[in-house]
Amino acid sequence: MKIAIIGAGSIGSRHARILQDLKHEVVIVSSHVNNQLNTVKYKSISDALKSEQFEYVVVASKTSQHVNDLDELRKAKFMGKVLIEKPLFAATEKLAKNKFEFAGVGYNLRFHPAISWLRETMPQLGQISSANFYIGQYLPSWRKNNKYQNSSSATIASGGGVLRDLSHELDLVQYFFGDWSHLTSTGGKFSNLEIETDDTFSILMQSKNCQAISIQLNYLDRIKQRNITINGDKGTIRIDLLSGLAQFNDTTQVFNADLDQTYVAEHRAMIARDPKTICSIAEALTVVKTIEAIEIAASKRRWIKR
């Protein structure tokens, strides 16, 4: 399959490498030079679409650029499959009517085998009482060979900040428990990192299916962590997404924690037009609205009701 990837940053490069490993023909669309990518390159979407026919496009540009990139694809009457990297937008936007064959948003952690197991095992917990999601990673060591001060994470204009960069956890909360009913939060830039975006957020949520959900996101953990703990009246599940370790009461098992494999599964689902696990546009828009509600709750120091 011939695939266009819009954006040649760290995530665009990762998509390119993985899709090339899967024996697809990859074309990069970017105004920036990336000599590490051994691919044909166009400087604009219009140039690429005028020159070649693509069956699948991956939008991996800066979050703030997604609206314009999708609009260019729409105006060009692109009729193939489109995967948009998370988050869908930096702020709530309405996706214009288009002719895309199939569209999804890149919340690839849904394809982590421990997450799949958790979804299957959760009914055994009975009535869910509480859930905790924790992700912490030190921003300066996040992207190799790139200064964090120059990354999209560092600027508001690019759509950076922990709420958007680490919104996988917000997607997983709705994936497991559905829409929230009430939330509150505290967060902002609390460190001496040379960024203008938020580096820490703590969020409390309630939903019909879980009355006590806590989410911790930060750019500051020198010990990288990504854990989920869920309690029910019949037991506890805890998974470590970095090691693949999963525990259900006294039983333990280990899953493959190679993130590349989650991207492989995501691309295969997109190409097969399999909506079962892919995050839909509607679900991704809910995440964007949730982020905005979290920011309002933090600034006004109050609970937000949906």
C-alpha atoms as a PDB file:
ATOM      1  CA  MET A   1       0.000   0.000   0.000  1.00  0.00           C
ATOM      2  CA  LYS A   2       1.195   3.524  -0.730  1.00  0.00           C
ATOM      3  CA  ILE A   3       0.949   5.636   2.434  1.00  0.00           C
ATOM      4  CA  ALA A   4       1.547   9.339   3.042  1.00  0.00           C
ATOM      5  CA  ILE A   5       2.721  10.495   6.451  1.00  0.00           C
ATOM      6  CA  ILE A   6       2.182  14.177   7.184  1.00  0.00           C
ATOM      7  CA  GLY A   7       4.908  15.298   9.567  1.00  0.00           C
ATOM      8  CA  ALA A   8       8.526  14.216  10.009  1.00  0.00           C
ATOM      9  CA  GLY A   9       8.926  14.675  13.758  1.00  0.00           C
ATOM     10  CA  SER A  10       9.475  11.890  16.266  1.00  0.00           C
ATOM     11  CA  ILE A  11       6.015  10.339  15.900  1.00  0.00           C
ATOM     12  CA  GLY A  12       5.933  10.745  12.118  1.00  0.00           C
ATOM     13  CA  SER A  13       9.343   9.074  11.915  1.00  0.00           C
ATOM     14  CA  ARG A  14       8.105   6.221  14.075  1.00  0.00           C
ATOM     15  CA  HIS A  15       5.062   5.645  11.876  1.00  0.00           C
ATOM     16  CA  ALA A  16       7.309   5.727   8.797  1.00  0.00           C
ATOM     17  CA  ARG A  17       9.732   3.159  10.217  1.00  0.00           C
ATOM     18  CA  ILE A  18       6.972   0.797  11.344  1.00  0.00           C
ATOM     19  CA  LEU A  19       5.033   0.998   8.076  1.00  0.00           C
ATOM     20  CA  GLN A  20       8.222   0.452   6.067  1.00  0.00           C
ATOM     21  CA  ASP A  21       8.959  -2.614   8.222  1.00  0.00           C
ATOM     22  CA  LEU A  22       5.482  -3.827   7.264  1.00  0.00           C
ATOM     23  CA  LYS A  23       6.591  -3.508   3.591  1.00  0.00           C
ATOM     24  CA  HIS A  24       4.399  -0.530   2.708  1.00  0.00           C
ATOM     25  CA  GLU A  25       5.594   2.269   0.440  1.00  0.00           C
ATOM     26  CA  VAL A  26       5.906   5.377   2.596  1.00  0.00           C
ATOM     27  CA  VAL A  27       5.979   8.989   1.400  1.00  0.00           C
ATOM     28  CA  ILE A  28       6.725  11.852   3.818  1.00  0.00           C
ATOM     29  CA  VAL A  29       4.989  15.234   3.595  1.00  0.00           C
ATOM     30  CA  SER A  30       6.883  17.871   5.562  1.00  0.00           C
ATOM     31  CA  SER A  31       8.481  21.258   5.129  1.00  0.00           C
ATOM     32  CA  HIS A  32      11.300  20.127   7.434  1.00  0.00           C
ATOM     33  CA  VAL A  33      14.216  17.958   6.378  1.00  0.00           C
ATOM     34  CA  ASN A  34      14.723  14.620   8.140  1.00  0.00           C
ATOM     35  CA  ASN A  35      17.680  12.824   6.589  1.00  0.00           C
ATOM     36  CA  GLN A  36      17.072   9.743   8.747  1.00  0.00           C
ATOM     37  CA  LEU A  37      13.963   8.892   6.738  1.00  0.00           C
ATOM     38  CA  ASN A  38      14.807   7.100   3.508  1.00  0.00           C
ATOM     39  CA  THR A  39      11.625   8.108   1.689  1.00  0.00           C
ATOM     40  CA  VAL A  40      10.281  10.314  -1.064  1.00  0.00           C
ATOM     41  CA  LYS A  41       9.313  13.679   0.387  1.00  0.00           C
ATOM     42  CA  TYR A  42       6.926  16.467  -0.553  1.00  0.00           C
ATOM     43  CA  LYS A  43       6.779  19.879   1.076  1.00  0.00           C
ATOM     44  CA  SER A  44       2.987  20.151   0.993  1.00  0.00           C
ATOM     45  CA  ILE A  45      -0.083  17.933   1.048  1.00  0.00           C
ATOM     46  CA  SER A  46      -1.352  19.420  -2.210  1.00  0.00           C
ATOM     47  CA  ASP A  47       1.933  18.619  -3.990  1.00  0.00           C
ATOM     48  CA  ALA A  48       1.845  15.035  -2.728  1.00  0.00           C
ATOM     49  CA  LEU A  49      -1.768  14.437  -3.742  1.00  0.00           C
ATOM     50  CA  LYS A  50      -1.247  15.983  -7.169  1.00  0.00           C
ATOM     51  CA  SER A  51       1.762  13.752  -7.826  1.00  0.00           C
ATOM     52  CA  GLU A  52       0.701  10.408  -6.353  1.00  0.00           C
ATOM     53  CA  GLN A  53      -2.288   8.299  -5.371  1.00  0.00           C
ATOM     54  CA  PHE A  54      -2.473   7.214  -1.716  1.00  0.00           C
ATOM     55  CA  GLU A  55      -4.761   4.697  -0.056  1.00  0.00           C
ATOM     56  CA  TYR A  56      -3.908   5.724   3.496  1.00  0.00           C
ATOM     57  CA  VAL A  57      -2.735   8.956   5.135  1.00  0.00           C
ATOM     58  CA  VAL A  58      -1.310   9.370   8.638  1.00  0.00           C
ATOM     59  CA  VAL A  59      -1.598  12.903  10.048  1.00  0.00           C
ATOM     60  CA  ALA A  60       1.387  13.141  12.410  1.00  0.00           C
ATOM     61  CA  SER A  61       1.972  16.892  12.351  1.00  0.00           C
ATOM     62  CA  LYS A  62       1.836  19.190  15.378  1.00  0.00           C
ATOM     63  CA  THR A  63      -1.521  19.003  17.144  1.00  0.00           C
ATOM     64  CA  SER A  64      -2.218  22.644  16.307  1.00  0.00           C
ATOM     65  CA  GLN A  65      -1.775  21.818  12.598  1.00  0.00           C
ATOM     66  CA  HIS A  66      -4.274  18.925  12.462  1.00  0.00           C
ATOM     67  CA  VAL A  67      -7.268  21.107  11.543  1.00  0.00           C
ATOM     68  CA  ASN A  68      -5.500  22.617   8.528  1.00  0.00           C
ATOM     69  CA  ASP A  69      -4.054  19.296   7.385  1.00  0.00           C
ATOM     70  CA  LEU A  70      -7.444  17.573   7.515  1.00  0.00           C
ATOM     71  CA  ASP A  71      -9.008  20.494   5.692  1.00  0.00           C
ATOM     72  CA  GLU A  72      -6.422  20.173   2.901  1.00  0.00           C
ATOM     73  CA  LEU A  73      -7.202  16.475   2.564  1.00  0.00           C
ATOM     74  CA  ARG A  74     -10.916  17.289   2.470  1.00  0.00           C
ATOM     75  CA  LYS A  75     -10.514  20.010  -0.178  1.00  0.00           C
ATOM     76  CA  ALA A  76      -8.445  17.609  -2.279  1.00  0.00           C
ATOM     77  CA  LYS A  77     -11.367  15.132  -2.038  1.00  0.00           C
ATOM     78  CA  PHE A  78      -9.136  12.456  -0.534  1.00  0.00           C
ATOM     79  CA  MET A  79     -11.193   9.251  -0.309  1.00  0.00           C
ATOM     80  CA  GLY A  80      -8.824   6.873   1.477  1.00  0.00           C
ATOM     81  CA  LYS A  81      -8.213   5.976   5.115  1.00  0.00           C
ATOM     82  CA  VAL A  82      -6.978   8.620   7.575  1.00  0.00           C
ATOM     83  CA  LEU A  83      -5.312   8.127  10.955  1.00  0.00           C
ATOM     84  CA  ILE A  84      -4.858  11.325  12.987  1.00  0.00           C
ATOM     85  CA  GLU A  85      -2.298  11.297  15.780  1.00  0.00           C
ATOM     86  CA  LYS A  86      -3.598  12.080  19.261  1.00  0.00           C
ATOM     87  CA  PRO A  87      -4.926  14.369  20.445  1.00  0.00           C
ATOM     88  CA  LEU A  88      -7.304  15.027  17.584  1.00  0.00           C
ATOM     89  CA  PHE A  89      -7.247  18.827  18.029  1.00  0.00           C
ATOM     90  CA  ALA A  90      -5.675  21.333  20.405  1.00  0.00           C
ATOM     91  CA  ALA A  91      -9.145  22.746  21.110  1.00  0.00           C
ATOM     92  CA  THR A  92     -12.692  21.762  20.227  1.00  0.00           C
ATOM     93  CA  GLU A  93     -13.236  21.959  16.475  1.00  0.00           C
ATOM     94  CA  LYS A  94     -15.892  20.640  14.155  1.00  0.00           C
ATOM     95  CA  LEU A  95     -14.538  18.213  11.586  1.00  0.00           C
ATOM     96  CA  ALA A  96     -15.890  19.323   8.225  1.00  0.00           C
ATOM     97  CA  LYS A  97     -17.837  16.880   6.091  1.00  0.00           C
ATOM     98  CA  ASN A  98     -15.444  14.793   4.032  1.00  0.00           C
ATOM     99  CA  LYS A  99     -15.176  11.754   1.790  1.00  0.00           C
ATOM    100  CA  PHE A 100     -12.694   9.776   3.901  1.00  0.00           C
ATOM    101  CA  GLU A 101     -13.257   6.043   3.562  1.00  0.00           C
ATOM    102  CA  PHE A 102     -12.431   5.431   7.230  1.00  0.00           C
ATOM    103  CA  ALA A 103     -10.944   7.662   9.943  1.00  0.00           C
ATOM    104  CA  GLY A 104      -9.520   7.031  13.402  1.00  0.00           C
ATOM    105  CA  VAL A 105      -7.367   8.681  16.037  1.00  0.00           C
ATOM    106  CA  GLY A 106      -4.010   7.335  17.222  1.00  0.00           C
ATOM    107  CA  TYR A 107      -4.670   6.213  20.778  1.00  0.00           C
ATOM    108  CA  ASN A 108      -2.499   3.161  20.229  1.00  0.00           C
ATOM    109  CA  LEU A 109      -2.445   2.100  23.899  1.00  0.00           C
ATOM    110  CA  ARG A 110      -5.859   0.572  23.252  1.00  0.00           C
ATOM    111  CA  PHE A 111      -3.885  -2.101  21.368  1.00  0.00           C
ATOM    112  CA  HIS A 112      -1.519  -2.880  24.259  1.00  0.00           C
ATOM    113  CA  PRO A 113      -2.087  -6.578  25.107  1.00  0.00           C
ATOM    114  CA  ALA A 114      -2.376  -5.744  28.828  1.00  0.00           C
ATOM    115  CA  ILE A 115      -5.145  -3.244  28.016  1.00  0.00           C
ATOM    116  CA  SER A 116      -6.952  -5.867  25.930  1.00  0.00           C
ATOM    117  CA  TRP A 117      -6.657  -8.313  28.828  1.00  0.00           C
ATOM    118  CA  LEU A 118      -7.891  -5.675  31.277  1.00  0.00           C
ATOM    119  CA  ARG A 119     -10.997  -5.009  29.178  1.00  0.00           C
ATOM    120  CA  GLU A 120     -11.757  -8.734  29.099  1.00  0.00           C
ATOM    121  CA  THR A 121     -11.029  -9.273  32.810  1.00  0.00           C
ATOM    122  CA  MET A 122     -12.770  -6.221  34.320  1.00  0.00           C
ATOM    123  CA  PRO A 123     -16.232  -7.875  34.533  1.00  0.00           C
ATOM    124  CA  GLN A 124     -14.730 -10.348  37.015  1.00  0.00           C
ATOM    125  CA  LEU A 125     -14.141  -7.455  39.438  1.00  0.00           C
ATOM    126  CA  GLY A 126     -17.858  -7.058  39.997  1.00  0.00           C
ATOM    127  CA  GLN A 127     -18.982  -3.586  41.034  1.00  0.00           C
ATOM    128  CA  ILE A 128     -16.125  -1.146  40.341  1.00  0.00           C
ATOM    129  CA  SER A 129     -15.404   1.223  43.234  1.00  0.00           C
ATOM    130  CA  SER A 130     -12.231   3.086  42.247  1.00  0.00           C
ATOM    131  CA  ALA A 131      -9.598   3.428  39.538  1.00  0.00           C
ATOM    132  CA  ASN A 132      -6.213   5.125  39.429  1.00  0.00           C
ATOM    133  CA  PHE A 133      -4.215   6.042  36.313  1.00  0.00           C
ATOM    134  CA  TYR A 134      -0.624   7.274  36.647  1.00  0.00           C
ATOM    135  CA  ILE A 135       1.789   8.394  33.923  1.00  0.00           C
ATOM    136  CA  GLY A 136       5.041  10.191  34.632  1.00  0.00           C
ATOM    137  CA  GLN A 137       7.952  10.725  32.276  1.00  0.00           C
ATOM    138  CA  TYR A 138      10.826  13.229  32.336  1.00  0.00           C
ATOM    139  CA  LEU A 139      10.417  15.525  29.341  1.00  0.00           C
ATOM    140  CA  PRO A 140      14.138  16.379  28.818  1.00  0.00           C
ATOM    141  CA  SER A 141      14.952  12.697  28.243  1.00  0.00           C
ATOM    142  CA  TRP A 142      11.790  11.870  26.311  1.00  0.00           C
ATOM    143  CA  ARG A 143      12.849  12.430  22.696  1.00  0.00           C
ATOM    144  CA  LYS A 144      16.398  11.424  21.883  1.00  0.00           C
ATOM    145  CA  ASN A 145      18.508  13.870  19.844  1.00  0.00           C
ATOM    146  CA  ASN A 146      15.903  16.640  20.262  1.00  0.00           C
ATOM    147  CA  LYS A 147      16.091  19.510  22.729  1.00  0.00           C
ATOM    148  CA  TYR A 148      12.930  19.452  24.771  1.00  0.00           C
ATOM    149  CA  GLN A 149      12.767  23.269  24.733  1.00  0.00           C
ATOM    150  CA  ASN A 150      12.237  23.113  20.947  1.00  0.00           C
ATOM    151  CA  SER A 151       9.682  20.294  20.996  1.00  0.00           C
ATOM    152  CA  SER A 152       5.963  20.639  20.384  1.00  0.00           C
ATOM    153  CA  SER A 153       5.475  19.698  24.048  1.00  0.00           C
ATOM    154  CA  ALA A 154       7.057  22.973  25.139  1.00  0.00           C
ATOM    155  CA  THR A 155       4.770  25.494  23.452  1.00  0.00           C
ATOM    156  CA  ILE A 156       1.094  26.322  23.725  1.00  0.00           C
ATOM    157  CA  ALA A 157       0.951  27.297  20.041  1.00  0.00           C
ATOM    158  CA  SER A 158       1.941  23.743  19.044  1.00  0.00           C
ATOM    159  CA  GLY A 159      -0.735  22.174  21.248  1.00  0.00           C
ATOM    160  CA  GLY A 160       1.697  20.857  23.852  1.00  0.00           C
ATOM    161  CA  GLY A 161       1.420  20.184  27.576  1.00  0.00           C
ATOM    162  CA  VAL A 162       0.802  17.047  29.624  1.00  0.00           C
ATOM    163  CA  LEU A 163      -2.970  17.067  29.180  1.00  0.00           C
ATOM    164  CA  ARG A 164      -2.620  16.761  25.423  1.00  0.00           C
ATOM    165  CA  ASP A 165       0.686  14.873  25.151  1.00  0.00           C
ATOM    166  CA  LEU A 166      -0.377  12.267  27.705  1.00  0.00           C
ATOM    167  CA  SER A 167      -4.064  12.145  26.856  1.00  0.00           C
ATOM    168  CA  HIS A 168      -3.881   8.358  26.361  1.00  0.00           C
ATOM    169  CA  GLU A 169      -4.982   8.024  29.975  1.00  0.00           C
ATOM    170  CA  LEU A 170      -7.995  10.265  29.398  1.00  0.00           C
ATOM    171  CA  ASP A 171      -8.959   8.126  26.416  1.00  0.00           C
ATOM    172  CA  LEU A 172      -8.519   4.916  28.436  1.00  0.00           C
ATOM    173  CA  VAL A 173     -10.778   6.237  31.195  1.00  0.00           C
ATOM    174  CA  GLN A 174     -13.637   6.725  28.727  1.00  0.00           C
ATOM    175  CA  TYR A 175     -12.741   3.447  26.963  1.00  0.00           C
ATOM    176  CA  PHE A 176     -13.199   1.559  30.253  1.00  0.00           C
ATOM    177  CA  PHE A 177     -15.868   3.561  32.064  1.00  0.00           C
ATOM    178  CA  GLY A 178     -17.702   5.675  29.495  1.00  0.00           C
ATOM    179  CA  ASP A 179     -18.423   9.384  29.800  1.00  0.00           C
ATOM    180  CA  TRP A 180     -17.665  11.193  33.033  1.00  0.00           C
ATOM    181  CA  SER A 181     -20.416  13.029  34.920  1.00  0.00           C
ATOM    182  CA  HIS A 182     -18.328  15.252  37.237  1.00  0.00           C
ATOM    183  CA  LEU A 183     -14.655  16.220  37.380  1.00  0.00           C
ATOM    184  CA  THR A 184     -12.253  18.545  39.128  1.00  0.00           C
ATOM    185  CA  SER A 185      -8.517  19.098  38.856  1.00  0.00           C
ATOM    186  CA  THR A 186      -5.412  20.964  39.834  1.00  0.00           C
ATOM    187  CA  GLY A 187      -2.451  21.518  37.557  1.00  0.00           C
ATOM    188  CA  GLY A 188      -0.154  23.824  35.699  1.00  0.00           C
ATOM    189  CA  LYS A 189       3.564  24.453  35.294  1.00  0.00           C
ATOM    190  CA  PHE A 190       5.036  23.610  38.692  1.00  0.00           C
ATOM    191  CA  SER A 191       8.666  22.824  37.761  1.00  0.00           C
ATOM    192  CA  ASN A 192      11.683  24.724  36.458  1.00  0.00           C
ATOM    193  CA  LEU A 193      11.475  23.093  33.020  1.00  0.00           C
ATOM    194  CA  GLU A 194      12.067  25.597  30.214  1.00  0.00           C
ATOM    195  CA  ILE A 195       8.573  25.274  28.761  1.00  0.00           C
ATOM    196  CA  GLU A 196       5.457  27.443  28.657  1.00  0.00           C
ATOM    197  CA  THR A 197       2.993  24.558  28.916  1.00  0.00           C
ATOM    198  CA  ASP A 198       1.586  22.663  31.901  1.00  0.00           C
ATOM    199  CA  ASP A 199       3.877  19.952  33.290  1.00  0.00           C
ATOM    200  CA  THR A 200       1.621  18.430  35.980  1.00  0.00           C
ATOM    201  CA  PHE A 201      -2.059  17.644  36.359  1.00  0.00           C
ATOM    202  CA  SER A 202      -4.059  15.733  38.972  1.00  0.00           C
ATOM    203  CA  ILE A 203      -7.654  14.957  38.045  1.00  0.00           C
ATOM    204  CA  LEU A 204     -10.612  13.455  39.896  1.00  0.00           C
ATOM    205  CA  MET A 205     -13.599  12.130  37.969  1.00  0.00           C
ATOM    206  CA  GLN A 206     -16.884  10.376  38.546  1.00  0.00           C
ATOM    207  CA  SER A 207     -18.746   8.290  35.994  1.00  0.00           C
ATOM    208  CA  LYS A 208     -21.771   6.027  36.053  1.00  0.00           C
ATOM    209  CA  ASN A 209     -19.487   2.992  36.010  1.00  0.00           C
ATOM    210  CA  CYS A 210     -16.887   4.212  38.532  1.00  0.00           C
ATOM    211  CA  GLN A 211     -17.472   6.760  41.277  1.00  0.00           C
ATOM    212  CA  ALA A 212     -13.827   7.489  42.108  1.00  0.00           C
ATOM    213  CA  ILE A 213     -11.366   7.898  39.215  1.00  0.00           C
ATOM    214  CA  SER A 214      -8.008   9.585  39.785  1.00  0.00           C
ATOM    215  CA  ILE A 215      -5.559  10.486  37.030  1.00  0.00           C
ATOM    216  CA  GLN A 216      -2.016  11.796  37.517  1.00  0.00           C
ATOM    217  CA  LEU A 217      -0.049  13.140  34.522  1.00  0.00           C
ATOM    218  CA  ASN A 218       3.394  14.762  34.619  1.00  0.00           C
ATOM    219  CA  TYR A 219       6.564  15.546  32.666  1.00  0.00           C
ATOM    220  CA  LEU A 220       8.719  15.257  35.793  1.00  0.00           C
ATOM    221  CA  ASP A 221       9.203  11.599  36.747  1.00  0.00           C
ATOM    222  CA  ARG A 222      12.890  10.663  36.545  1.00  0.00           C
ATOM    223  CA  ILE A 223      11.648   7.115  37.103  1.00  0.00           C
ATOM    224  CA  LYS A 224       9.305   6.576  34.160  1.00  0.00           C
ATOM    225  CA  GLN A 225       5.969   5.090  35.235  1.00  0.00           C
ATOM    226  CA  ARG A 226       2.686   4.124  33.572  1.00  0.00           C
ATOM    227  CA  ASN A 227       0.312   2.173  35.804  1.00  0.00           C
ATOM    228  CA  ILE A 228      -3.390   1.438  36.183  1.00  0.00           C
ATOM    229  CA  THR A 229      -5.089   0.095  39.327  1.00  0.00           C
ATOM    230  CA  ILE A 230      -8.796  -0.787  39.455  1.00  0.00           C
ATOM    231  CA  ASN A 231     -10.674  -1.980  42.553  1.00  0.00           C
ATOM    232  CA  GLY A 232     -13.975  -3.838  42.580  1.00  0.00           C
ATOM    233  CA  ASP A 233     -15.969  -5.750  45.169  1.00  0.00           C
ATOM    234  CA  LYS A 234     -14.429  -9.011  43.921  1.00  0.00           C
ATOM    235  CA  GLY A 235     -10.806  -7.962  43.698  1.00  0.00           C
ATOM    236  CA  THR A 236      -8.092  -5.698  42.343  1.00  0.00           C
ATOM    237  CA  ILE A 237      -6.387  -5.442  38.981  1.00  0.00           C
ATOM    238  CA  ARG A 238      -3.076  -3.659  38.532  1.00  0.00           C
ATOM    239  CA  ILE A 239      -1.132  -3.355  35.296  1.00  0.00           C
ATOM    240  CA  ASP A 240       2.269  -1.833  34.549  1.00  0.00           C
ATOM    241  CA  LEU A 241       2.171  -0.811  30.898  1.00  0.00           C
ATOM    242  CA  LEU A 242       5.959  -0.370  30.722  1.00  0.00           C
ATOM    243  CA  SER A 243       6.877  -3.865  31.926  1.00  0.00           C
ATOM    244  CA  GLY A 244       3.704  -5.620  30.771  1.00  0.00           C
ATOM    245  CA  LEU A 245       3.136  -7.005  34.282  1.00  0.00           C
ATOM    246  CA  ALA A 246      -0.549  -7.628  35.032  1.00  0.00           C
ATOM    247  CA  GLN A 247      -1.974  -8.736  38.380  1.00  0.00           C
ATOM    248  CA  PHE A 248      -5.468  -9.862  39.297  1.00  0.00           C
ATOM    249  CA  ASN A 249      -5.638 -10.556  43.027  1.00  0.00           C
ATOM    250  CA  ASP A 250      -3.074 -13.357  43.588  1.00  0.00           C
ATOM    251  CA  THR A 251      -2.468 -14.197  39.917  1.00  0.00           C
ATOM    252  CA  THR A 252       0.217 -12.601  37.771  1.00  0.00           C
ATOM    253  CA  GLN A 253       1.085 -12.659  34.095  1.00  0.00           C
ATOM    254  CA  VAL A 254       3.380 -10.703  31.804  1.00  0.00           C
ATOM    255  CA  PHE A 255       2.450  -9.336  28.377  1.00  0.00           C
ATOM    256  CA  ASN A 256       4.630  -8.063  25.549  1.00  0.00           C
ATOM    257  CA  ALA A 257       5.165  -4.364  26.351  1.00  0.00           C
ATOM    258  CA  ASP A 258       6.854  -3.404  23.064  1.00  0.00           C
ATOM    259  CA  LEU A 259       5.067  -0.193  22.041  1.00  0.00           C
ATOM    260  CA  ASP A 260       5.961  -0.719  18.380  1.00  0.00           C
ATOM    261  CA  GLN A 261       3.586  -3.677  18.387  1.00  0.00           C
ATOM    262  CA  THR A 262       0.701  -1.445  19.471  1.00  0.00           C
ATOM    263  CA  TYR A 263       1.366   0.772  16.434  1.00  0.00           C
ATOM    264  CA  VAL A 264       1.559  -2.301  14.183  1.00  0.00           C
ATOM    265  CA  ALA A 265      -1.832  -3.492  15.485  1.00  0.00           C
ATOM    266  CA  GLU A 266      -3.282  -0.006  15.114  1.00  0.00           C
ATOM    267  CA  HIS A 267      -2.184   0.311  11.475  1.00  0.00           C
ATOM    268  CA  ARG A 268      -3.480  -3.155  10.640  1.00  0.00           C
ATOM    269  CA  ALA A 269      -6.854  -2.252  12.146  1.00  0.00           C
ATOM    270  CA  MET A 270      -6.933   0.991  10.160  1.00  0.00           C
ATOM    271  CA  ILE A 271      -6.037  -0.719   6.900  1.00  0.00           C
ATOM    272  CA  ALA A 272      -8.666  -3.426   7.553  1.00  0.00           C
ATOM    273  CA  ARG A 273     -11.233  -0.747   8.525  1.00  0.00           C
ATOM    274  CA  ASP A 274     -11.838  -2.552  11.814  1.00  0.00           C
ATOM    275  CA  PRO A 275     -13.590  -0.125  14.205  1.00  0.00           C
ATOM    276  CA  LYS A 276     -13.641  -2.477  17.203  1.00  0.00           C
ATOM    277  CA  THR A 277     -10.606  -1.010  18.987  1.00  0.00           C
ATOM    278  CA  ILE A 278      -9.680   2.112  16.971  1.00  0.00           C
ATOM    279  CA  CYS A 279     -10.567   5.380  18.697  1.00  0.00           C
ATOM    280  CA  SER A 280     -13.296   7.049  16.641  1.00  0.00           C
ATOM    281  CA  ILE A 281     -13.430  10.724  15.741  1.00  0.00           C
ATOM    282  CA  ALA A 282     -16.385  11.169  18.109  1.00  0.00           C
ATOM    283  CA  GLU A 283     -14.507   9.548  21.000  1.00  0.00           C
ATOM    284  CA  ALA A 284     -11.418  11.650  20.301  1.00  0.00           C
ATOM    285  CA  LEU A 285     -13.523  14.824  20.267  1.00  0.00           C
ATOM    286  CA  THR A 286     -14.819  13.819  23.699  1.00  0.00           C
ATOM    287  CA  VAL A 287     -11.204  13.650  24.925  1.00  0.00           C
ATOM    288  CA  VAL A 288     -10.587  17.188  23.601  1.00  0.00           C
ATOM    289  CA  LYS A 289     -13.689  18.458  25.415  1.00  0.00           C
ATOM    290  CA  THR A 290     -12.586  16.630  28.564  1.00  0.00           C
ATOM    291  CA  ILE A 291      -9.199  18.383  28.414  1.00  0.00           C
ATOM    292  CA  GLU A 292     -10.943  21.737  28.174  1.00  0.00           C
ATOM    293  CA  ALA A 293     -13.181  20.867  31.139  1.00  0.00           C
ATOM    294  CA  ILE A 294     -10.109  19.864  33.173  1.00  0.00           C
ATOM    295  CA  GLU A 295      -8.461  23.215  32.412  1.00  0.00           C
ATOM    296  CA  ILE A 296     -11.601  25.109  33.445  1.00  0.00           C
ATOM    297  CA  ALA A 297     -11.866  23.100  36.673  1.00  0.00           C
ATOM    298  CA  ALA A 298      -8.240  23.892  37.547  1.00  0.00           C
ATOM    299  CA  SER A 299      -8.529  27.609  36.778  1.00  0.00           C
ATOM    300  CA  LYS A 300     -11.832  28.054  38.637  1.00  0.00           C
ATOM    301  CA  ARG A 301     -11.011  25.565  41.403  1.00  0.00           C
ATOM    302  CA  ARG A 302     -14.374  23.845  41.244  1.00  0.00           C
ATOM    303  CA  TRP A 303     -16.166  20.726  40.081  1.00  0.00           C
ATOM    304  CA  ILE A 304     -17.411  20.648  36.485  1.00  0.00           C
ATOM    305  CA  LYS A 305     -20.652  18.865  35.645  1.00  0.00           C
ATOM    306  CA  ARG A 306     -21.186  17.520  32.145  1.00  0.00           C
END
